[in-house]
Amino acid sequence: MSWQTILAIGSGGFIGAVLRAYLNGLISHKFPHDLPYGTLGVNLIGSFLMGILIAYFMYTTLFSLQMKFFLSTGILGALTTYSAFAIESFLLLESGSILLAFANISLNAFGTIIMAGSGFYATKFFLK
């Protein structure tokens, strides 16, 4: 991997991590609840954006390799919060909130796949 690609990923990661903290806080503030909606919202948004990007990458030649890594691995890799989702789900299980834990797991697992597919197909539709 070239130093340009590494720099692109690192720069994107910085932006994505800051976006994650901001969006997570914003969503958590707007929707205070026992279920971690901040993490869910960030995962859903990130998955939708990943679907859009991958469709663009597949159907256009607008982006260089470094830009692809900057946007996908960098920004979106740091934006989505799978590790936070995992520990939050574990802590819900650990606290005995079985129903909330499974709701969180289901919404994140299926919601992110649906959002990624939605972003992909919406972009594919508009590009063709």
N, C-alpha and C. Protein backbone atom coordinates (compact mmCIF):
# COMPACT_ATOMS: atom_id res chain seq x y z
N MET A 1 0.85 -1.16 0.00
CA MET A 1 0.00 0.00 0.00
C MET A 1 0.90 1.24 0.00
N SER A 2 0.59 2.19 -0.85
CA SER A 2 1.42 3.39 -0.98
C SER A 2 1.21 4.34 0.19
N TRP A 3 2.16 5.23 0.39
CA TRP A 3 2.04 6.22 1.47
C TRP A 3 0.88 7.17 1.21
N GLN A 4 0.57 7.41 -0.09
CA GLN A 4 -0.57 8.28 -0.42
C GLN A 4 -1.89 7.64 0.03
N THR A 5 -1.99 6.33 -0.16
CA THR A 5 -3.20 5.62 0.25
C THR A 5 -3.31 5.59 1.78
N ILE A 6 -2.20 5.36 2.45
CA ILE A 6 -2.19 5.36 3.91
C ILE A 6 -2.58 6.74 4.45
N LEU A 7 -2.05 7.78 3.84
CA LEU A 7 -2.40 9.15 4.24
C LEU A 7 -3.88 9.44 3.98
N ALA A 8 -4.39 8.96 2.85
CA ALA A 8 -5.80 9.16 2.52
C ALA A 8 -6.70 8.48 3.56
N ILE A 9 -6.37 7.25 3.92
CA ILE A 9 -7.16 6.51 4.91
C ILE A 9 -7.10 7.21 6.27
N GLY A 10 -5.90 7.61 6.68
CA GLY A 10 -5.74 8.27 7.97
C GLY A 10 -6.47 9.60 8.04
N SER A 11 -6.39 10.37 6.98
CA SER A 11 -7.08 11.67 6.94
C SER A 11 -8.59 11.46 6.99
N GLY A 12 -9.07 10.52 6.21
CA GLY A 12 -10.50 10.21 6.22
C GLY A 12 -10.94 9.68 7.57
N GLY A 13 -10.09 8.87 8.20
CA GLY A 13 -10.41 8.33 9.51
C GLY A 13 -10.60 9.42 10.56
N PHE A 14 -9.76 10.44 10.49
CA PHE A 14 -9.90 11.57 11.41
C PHE A 14 -11.26 12.23 11.24
N ILE A 15 -11.63 12.49 10.00
CA ILE A 15 -12.91 13.14 9.72
C ILE A 15 -14.07 12.25 10.15
N GLY A 16 -13.99 10.97 9.82
CA GLY A 16 -15.06 10.04 10.18
C GLY A 16 -15.24 9.89 11.68
N ALA A 17 -14.13 9.87 12.42
CA ALA A 17 -14.23 9.74 13.87
C ALA A 17 -14.88 10.97 14.49
N VAL A 18 -14.54 12.15 14.00
CA VAL A 18 -15.15 13.38 14.50
C VAL A 18 -16.64 13.40 14.14
N LEU A 19 -16.97 13.01 12.92
CA LEU A 19 -18.39 12.93 12.52
C LEU A 19 -19.16 11.94 13.39
N ARG A 20 -18.53 10.81 13.68
CA ARG A 20 -19.19 9.80 14.52
C ARG A 20 -19.52 10.38 15.88
N ALA A 21 -18.55 11.02 16.51
CA ALA A 21 -18.79 11.60 17.84
C ALA A 21 -19.89 12.65 17.79
N TYR A 22 -19.85 13.49 16.78
CA TYR A 22 -20.85 14.55 16.65
C TYR A 22 -22.25 13.98 16.40
N LEU A 23 -22.37 13.10 15.40
CA LEU A 23 -23.68 12.54 15.07
C LEU A 23 -24.23 11.68 16.19
N ASN A 24 -23.38 10.89 16.82
CA ASN A 24 -23.82 10.05 17.93
C ASN A 24 -24.38 10.92 19.05
N GLY A 25 -23.67 11.98 19.39
CA GLY A 25 -24.15 12.89 20.43
C GLY A 25 -25.44 13.58 20.04
N LEU A 26 -25.51 14.03 18.80
CA LEU A 26 -26.70 14.72 18.31
C LEU A 26 -27.93 13.81 18.36
N ILE A 27 -27.78 12.60 17.85
CA ILE A 27 -28.90 11.65 17.82
C ILE A 27 -29.28 11.24 19.23
N SER A 28 -28.29 10.96 20.07
CA SER A 28 -28.57 10.55 21.45
C SER A 28 -29.29 11.67 22.21
N HIS A 29 -28.94 12.91 21.93
CA HIS A 29 -29.59 14.04 22.58
C HIS A 29 -31.05 14.19 22.11
N LYS A 30 -31.27 13.99 20.82
CA LYS A 30 -32.61 14.15 20.24
C LYS A 30 -33.53 12.99 20.60
N PHE A 31 -32.97 11.79 20.78
CA PHE A 31 -33.76 10.60 21.05
C PHE A 31 -33.24 9.88 22.29
N PRO A 32 -33.35 10.51 23.47
CA PRO A 32 -32.85 9.84 24.67
C PRO A 32 -33.73 8.63 25.00
N HIS A 33 -33.09 7.51 25.19
CA HIS A 33 -33.82 6.27 25.46
C HIS A 33 -32.84 5.22 25.94
N ASP A 34 -33.36 4.10 26.41
CA ASP A 34 -32.48 3.02 26.86
C ASP A 34 -31.75 2.36 25.71
N LEU A 35 -32.37 2.34 24.54
CA LEU A 35 -31.72 1.76 23.35
C LEU A 35 -30.72 2.78 22.81
N PRO A 36 -29.50 2.36 22.47
CA PRO A 36 -28.48 3.32 21.99
C PRO A 36 -28.75 3.78 20.56
N TYR A 37 -29.68 4.72 20.42
CA TYR A 37 -30.06 5.22 19.10
C TYR A 37 -28.92 5.97 18.41
N GLY A 38 -28.01 6.56 19.15
CA GLY A 38 -26.89 7.27 18.53
C GLY A 38 -26.05 6.33 17.69
N THR A 39 -25.68 5.20 18.26
CA THR A 39 -24.89 4.20 17.52
C THR A 39 -25.69 3.63 16.36
N LEU A 40 -26.95 3.31 16.62
CA LEU A 40 -27.82 2.80 15.55
C LEU A 40 -27.90 3.80 14.41
N GLY A 41 -28.15 5.07 14.73
CA GLY A 41 -28.26 6.10 13.69
C GLY A 41 -26.99 6.24 12.87
N VAL A 42 -25.85 6.25 13.55
CA VAL A 42 -24.57 6.37 12.85
C VAL A 42 -24.35 5.15 11.95
N ASN A 43 -24.67 3.95 12.45
CA ASN A 43 -24.50 2.75 11.63
C ASN A 43 -25.42 2.75 10.42
N LEU A 44 -26.67 3.20 10.60
CA LEU A 44 -27.61 3.25 9.47
C LEU A 44 -27.17 4.29 8.44
N ILE A 45 -26.81 5.47 8.90
CA ILE A 45 -26.36 6.53 7.99
C ILE A 45 -25.09 6.09 7.26
N GLY A 46 -24.13 5.56 8.00
CA GLY A 46 -22.88 5.11 7.38
C GLY A 46 -23.09 4.01 6.36
N SER A 47 -23.99 3.09 6.66
CA SER A 47 -24.28 2.00 5.72
C SER A 47 -24.94 2.52 4.45
N PHE A 48 -25.87 3.46 4.60
CA PHE A 48 -26.50 4.06 3.43
C PHE A 48 -25.46 4.77 2.56
N LEU A 49 -24.60 5.55 3.21
CA LEU A 49 -23.55 6.26 2.46
C LEU A 49 -22.57 5.29 1.80
N MET A 50 -22.28 4.17 2.46
CA MET A 50 -21.39 3.18 1.86
C MET A 50 -22.03 2.59 0.61
N GLY A 51 -23.33 2.35 0.65
CA GLY A 51 -24.03 1.86 -0.54
C GLY A 51 -23.93 2.84 -1.68
N ILE A 52 -24.10 4.12 -1.39
CA ILE A 52 -23.98 5.15 -2.42
C ILE A 52 -22.57 5.16 -3.00
N LEU A 53 -21.56 5.15 -2.13
CA LEU A 53 -20.18 5.20 -2.61
C LEU A 53 -19.82 4.00 -3.47
N ILE A 54 -20.17 2.82 -3.03
CA ILE A 54 -19.80 1.62 -3.79
C ILE A 54 -20.46 1.64 -5.16
N ALA A 55 -21.71 2.11 -5.23
CA ALA A 55 -22.37 2.23 -6.53
C ALA A 55 -21.62 3.23 -7.41
N TYR A 56 -21.25 4.37 -6.83
CA TYR A 56 -20.47 5.34 -7.60
C TYR A 56 -19.15 4.74 -8.07
N PHE A 57 -18.49 4.03 -7.20
CA PHE A 57 -17.21 3.42 -7.56
C PHE A 57 -17.38 2.41 -8.69
N MET A 58 -18.50 1.68 -8.67
CA MET A 58 -18.72 0.64 -9.69
C MET A 58 -19.18 1.20 -11.03
N TYR A 59 -19.94 2.29 -11.00
CA TYR A 59 -20.57 2.77 -12.22
C TYR A 59 -20.01 4.08 -12.76
N THR A 60 -18.99 4.63 -12.12
CA THR A 60 -18.35 5.84 -12.63
C THR A 60 -16.84 5.70 -12.48
N THR A 61 -16.15 6.60 -13.12
CA THR A 61 -14.69 6.64 -12.97
C THR A 61 -14.27 7.99 -12.39
N LEU A 62 -15.11 8.56 -11.55
CA LEU A 62 -14.87 9.88 -11.00
C LEU A 62 -13.79 9.91 -9.92
N PHE A 63 -13.53 8.80 -9.27
CA PHE A 63 -12.67 8.80 -8.09
C PHE A 63 -11.37 8.06 -8.33
N SER A 64 -10.28 8.63 -7.84
CA SER A 64 -8.99 7.95 -7.85
C SER A 64 -9.00 6.86 -6.78
N LEU A 65 -8.02 5.98 -6.82
CA LEU A 65 -7.91 4.92 -5.82
C LEU A 65 -7.77 5.53 -4.42
N GLN A 66 -6.95 6.57 -4.29
CA GLN A 66 -6.77 7.21 -2.99
C GLN A 66 -8.08 7.84 -2.49
N MET A 67 -8.84 8.44 -3.38
CA MET A 67 -10.11 9.04 -2.98
C MET A 67 -11.10 7.96 -2.54
N LYS A 68 -11.09 6.82 -3.22
CA LYS A 68 -11.96 5.71 -2.81
C LYS A 68 -11.62 5.27 -1.40
N PHE A 69 -10.33 5.11 -1.10
CA PHE A 69 -9.91 4.72 0.24
C PHE A 69 -10.22 5.81 1.26
N PHE A 70 -10.01 7.06 0.90
CA PHE A 70 -10.31 8.19 1.78
C PHE A 70 -11.77 8.16 2.21
N LEU A 71 -12.66 7.99 1.24
CA LEU A 71 -14.09 8.03 1.52
C LEU A 71 -14.61 6.77 2.20
N SER A 72 -14.23 5.60 1.71
CA SER A 72 -14.81 4.35 2.23
C SER A 72 -14.08 3.86 3.48
N THR A 73 -12.83 3.49 3.36
CA THR A 73 -12.09 2.95 4.50
C THR A 73 -11.83 4.03 5.54
N GLY A 74 -11.50 5.24 5.08
CA GLY A 74 -11.20 6.33 6.00
C GLY A 74 -12.43 6.89 6.68
N ILE A 75 -13.19 7.71 5.96
CA ILE A 75 -14.34 8.40 6.57
C ILE A 75 -15.39 7.41 7.07
N LEU A 76 -15.89 6.56 6.19
CA LEU A 76 -16.98 5.68 6.60
C LEU A 76 -16.52 4.57 7.53
N GLY A 77 -15.27 4.13 7.39
CA GLY A 77 -14.73 3.14 8.31
C GLY A 77 -14.67 3.66 9.74
N ALA A 78 -14.34 4.93 9.89
CA ALA A 78 -14.30 5.54 11.22
C ALA A 78 -15.68 6.03 11.67
N LEU A 79 -16.54 6.35 10.72
CA LEU A 79 -17.87 6.84 11.07
C LEU A 79 -18.74 5.74 11.66
N THR A 80 -18.77 4.59 11.03
CA THR A 80 -19.62 3.52 11.54
C THR A 80 -19.00 2.97 12.82
N THR A 81 -19.83 2.48 13.68
CA THR A 81 -19.39 2.21 15.04
C THR A 81 -19.69 0.77 15.44
N TYR A 82 -19.16 -0.17 14.71
CA TYR A 82 -19.48 -1.55 15.02
C TYR A 82 -18.98 -1.97 16.40
N SER A 83 -17.81 -1.52 16.78
CA SER A 83 -17.30 -1.90 18.10
C SER A 83 -18.17 -1.31 19.20
N ALA A 84 -18.64 -0.09 19.01
CA ALA A 84 -19.55 0.51 19.99
C ALA A 84 -20.86 -0.27 20.04
N PHE A 85 -21.36 -0.65 18.88
CA PHE A 85 -22.57 -1.46 18.80
C PHE A 85 -22.37 -2.78 19.57
N ALA A 86 -21.23 -3.41 19.40
CA ALA A 86 -20.97 -4.69 20.04
C ALA A 86 -20.96 -4.55 21.57
N ILE A 87 -20.24 -3.57 22.09
CA ILE A 87 -20.16 -3.43 23.54
C ILE A 87 -21.49 -2.96 24.13
N GLU A 88 -22.21 -2.09 23.42
CA GLU A 88 -23.51 -1.66 23.92
C GLU A 88 -24.49 -2.83 23.96
N SER A 89 -24.44 -3.69 22.96
CA SER A 89 -25.31 -4.87 22.96
C SER A 89 -24.94 -5.81 24.10
N PHE A 90 -23.65 -6.01 24.31
CA PHE A 90 -23.20 -6.85 25.41
C PHE A 90 -23.65 -6.28 26.75
N LEU A 91 -23.49 -4.98 26.94
CA LEU A 91 -23.87 -4.36 28.21
C LEU A 91 -25.38 -4.44 28.45
N LEU A 92 -26.17 -4.34 27.38
CA LEU A 92 -27.62 -4.53 27.53
C LEU A 92 -27.93 -5.95 27.97
N LEU A 93 -27.24 -6.93 27.36
CA LEU A 93 -27.43 -8.33 27.77
C LEU A 93 -26.97 -8.52 29.21
N GLU A 94 -25.81 -7.98 29.54
CA GLU A 94 -25.24 -8.11 30.87
C GLU A 94 -26.16 -7.53 31.95
N SER A 95 -26.86 -6.45 31.61
CA SER A 95 -27.74 -5.80 32.58
C SER A 95 -29.10 -6.49 32.68
N GLY A 96 -29.32 -7.50 31.84
CA GLY A 96 -30.58 -8.22 31.87
C GLY A 96 -31.64 -7.67 30.93
N SER A 97 -31.28 -6.67 30.14
CA SER A 97 -32.22 -6.08 29.18
C SER A 97 -32.21 -6.89 27.88
N ILE A 98 -32.67 -8.11 27.99
CA ILE A 98 -32.59 -9.05 26.86
C ILE A 98 -33.37 -8.54 25.65
N LEU A 99 -34.57 -8.06 25.86
CA LEU A 99 -35.39 -7.58 24.75
C LEU A 99 -34.75 -6.38 24.06
N LEU A 100 -34.25 -5.42 24.84
CA LEU A 100 -33.57 -4.26 24.26
C LEU A 100 -32.29 -4.69 23.52
N ALA A 101 -31.57 -5.64 24.09
CA ALA A 101 -30.34 -6.12 23.44
C ALA A 101 -30.66 -6.72 22.08
N PHE A 102 -31.65 -7.57 22.02
CA PHE A 102 -31.99 -8.19 20.74
C PHE A 102 -32.61 -7.21 19.76
N ALA A 103 -33.32 -6.21 20.27
CA ALA A 103 -33.82 -5.15 19.39
C ALA A 103 -32.64 -4.38 18.80
N ASN A 104 -31.67 -4.05 19.63
CA ASN A 104 -30.48 -3.33 19.17
C ASN A 104 -29.71 -4.15 18.14
N ILE A 105 -29.49 -5.42 18.42
CA ILE A 105 -28.76 -6.30 17.51
C ILE A 105 -29.51 -6.43 16.18
N SER A 106 -30.81 -6.66 16.24
CA SER A 106 -31.60 -6.83 15.02
C SER A 106 -31.66 -5.57 14.19
N LEU A 107 -31.92 -4.43 14.85
CA LEU A 107 -32.00 -3.16 14.11
C LEU A 107 -30.67 -2.81 13.45
N ASN A 108 -29.58 -3.02 14.17
CA ASN A 108 -28.27 -2.73 13.58
C ASN A 108 -27.92 -3.70 12.46
N ALA A 109 -28.11 -4.99 12.70
CA ALA A 109 -27.73 -5.99 11.69
C ALA A 109 -28.56 -5.85 10.42
N PHE A 110 -29.87 -5.85 10.57
CA PHE A 110 -30.73 -5.80 9.39
C PHE A 110 -30.87 -4.39 8.84
N GLY A 111 -30.93 -3.41 9.72
CA GLY A 111 -31.07 -2.03 9.27
C GLY A 111 -29.90 -1.56 8.43
N THR A 112 -28.67 -1.90 8.85
CA THR A 112 -27.50 -1.46 8.09
C THR A 112 -27.43 -2.14 6.72
N ILE A 113 -27.81 -3.40 6.66
CA ILE A 113 -27.82 -4.10 5.36
C ILE A 113 -28.88 -3.47 4.45
N ILE A 114 -30.04 -3.20 4.98
CA ILE A 114 -31.11 -2.57 4.20
C ILE A 114 -30.68 -1.18 3.72
N MET A 115 -30.05 -0.41 4.61
CA MET A 115 -29.61 0.94 4.23
C MET A 115 -28.48 0.89 3.20
N ALA A 116 -27.55 -0.03 3.34
CA ALA A 116 -26.48 -0.16 2.35
C ALA A 116 -27.07 -0.50 0.98
N GLY A 117 -28.01 -1.46 0.96
CA GLY A 117 -28.66 -1.81 -0.29
C GLY A 117 -29.49 -0.67 -0.86
N SER A 118 -30.16 0.06 0.00
CA SER A 118 -30.96 1.21 -0.46
C SER A 118 -30.09 2.28 -1.09
N GLY A 119 -28.98 2.58 -0.44
CA GLY A 119 -28.06 3.57 -1.01
C GLY A 119 -27.49 3.10 -2.33
N PHE A 120 -27.13 1.83 -2.39
CA PHE A 120 -26.57 1.27 -3.62
C PHE A 120 -27.58 1.35 -4.76
N TYR A 121 -28.78 0.83 -4.54
CA TYR A 121 -29.78 0.80 -5.62
C TYR A 121 -30.29 2.18 -5.99
N ALA A 122 -30.41 3.08 -5.03
CA ALA A 122 -30.82 4.45 -5.36
C ALA A 122 -29.78 5.12 -6.25
N THR A 123 -28.53 4.93 -5.91
CA THR A 123 -27.46 5.53 -6.72
C THR A 123 -27.38 4.88 -8.08
N LYS A 124 -27.48 3.57 -8.12
CA LYS A 124 -27.45 2.84 -9.40
C LYS A 124 -28.61 3.33 -10.29
N PHE A 125 -29.79 3.52 -9.71
CA PHE A 125 -30.95 4.00 -10.46
C PHE A 125 -30.68 5.37 -11.08
N PHE A 126 -30.11 6.28 -10.29
CA PHE A 126 -29.88 7.65 -10.78
C PHE A 126 -28.70 7.75 -11.74
N LEU A 127 -27.78 6.79 -11.66
CA LEU A 127 -26.62 6.82 -12.58
C LEU A 127 -26.92 6.18 -13.92
N LYS A 128 -27.93 5.36 -13.98
CA LYS A 128 -28.23 4.69 -15.25
C LYS A 128 -29.27 5.42 -16.04
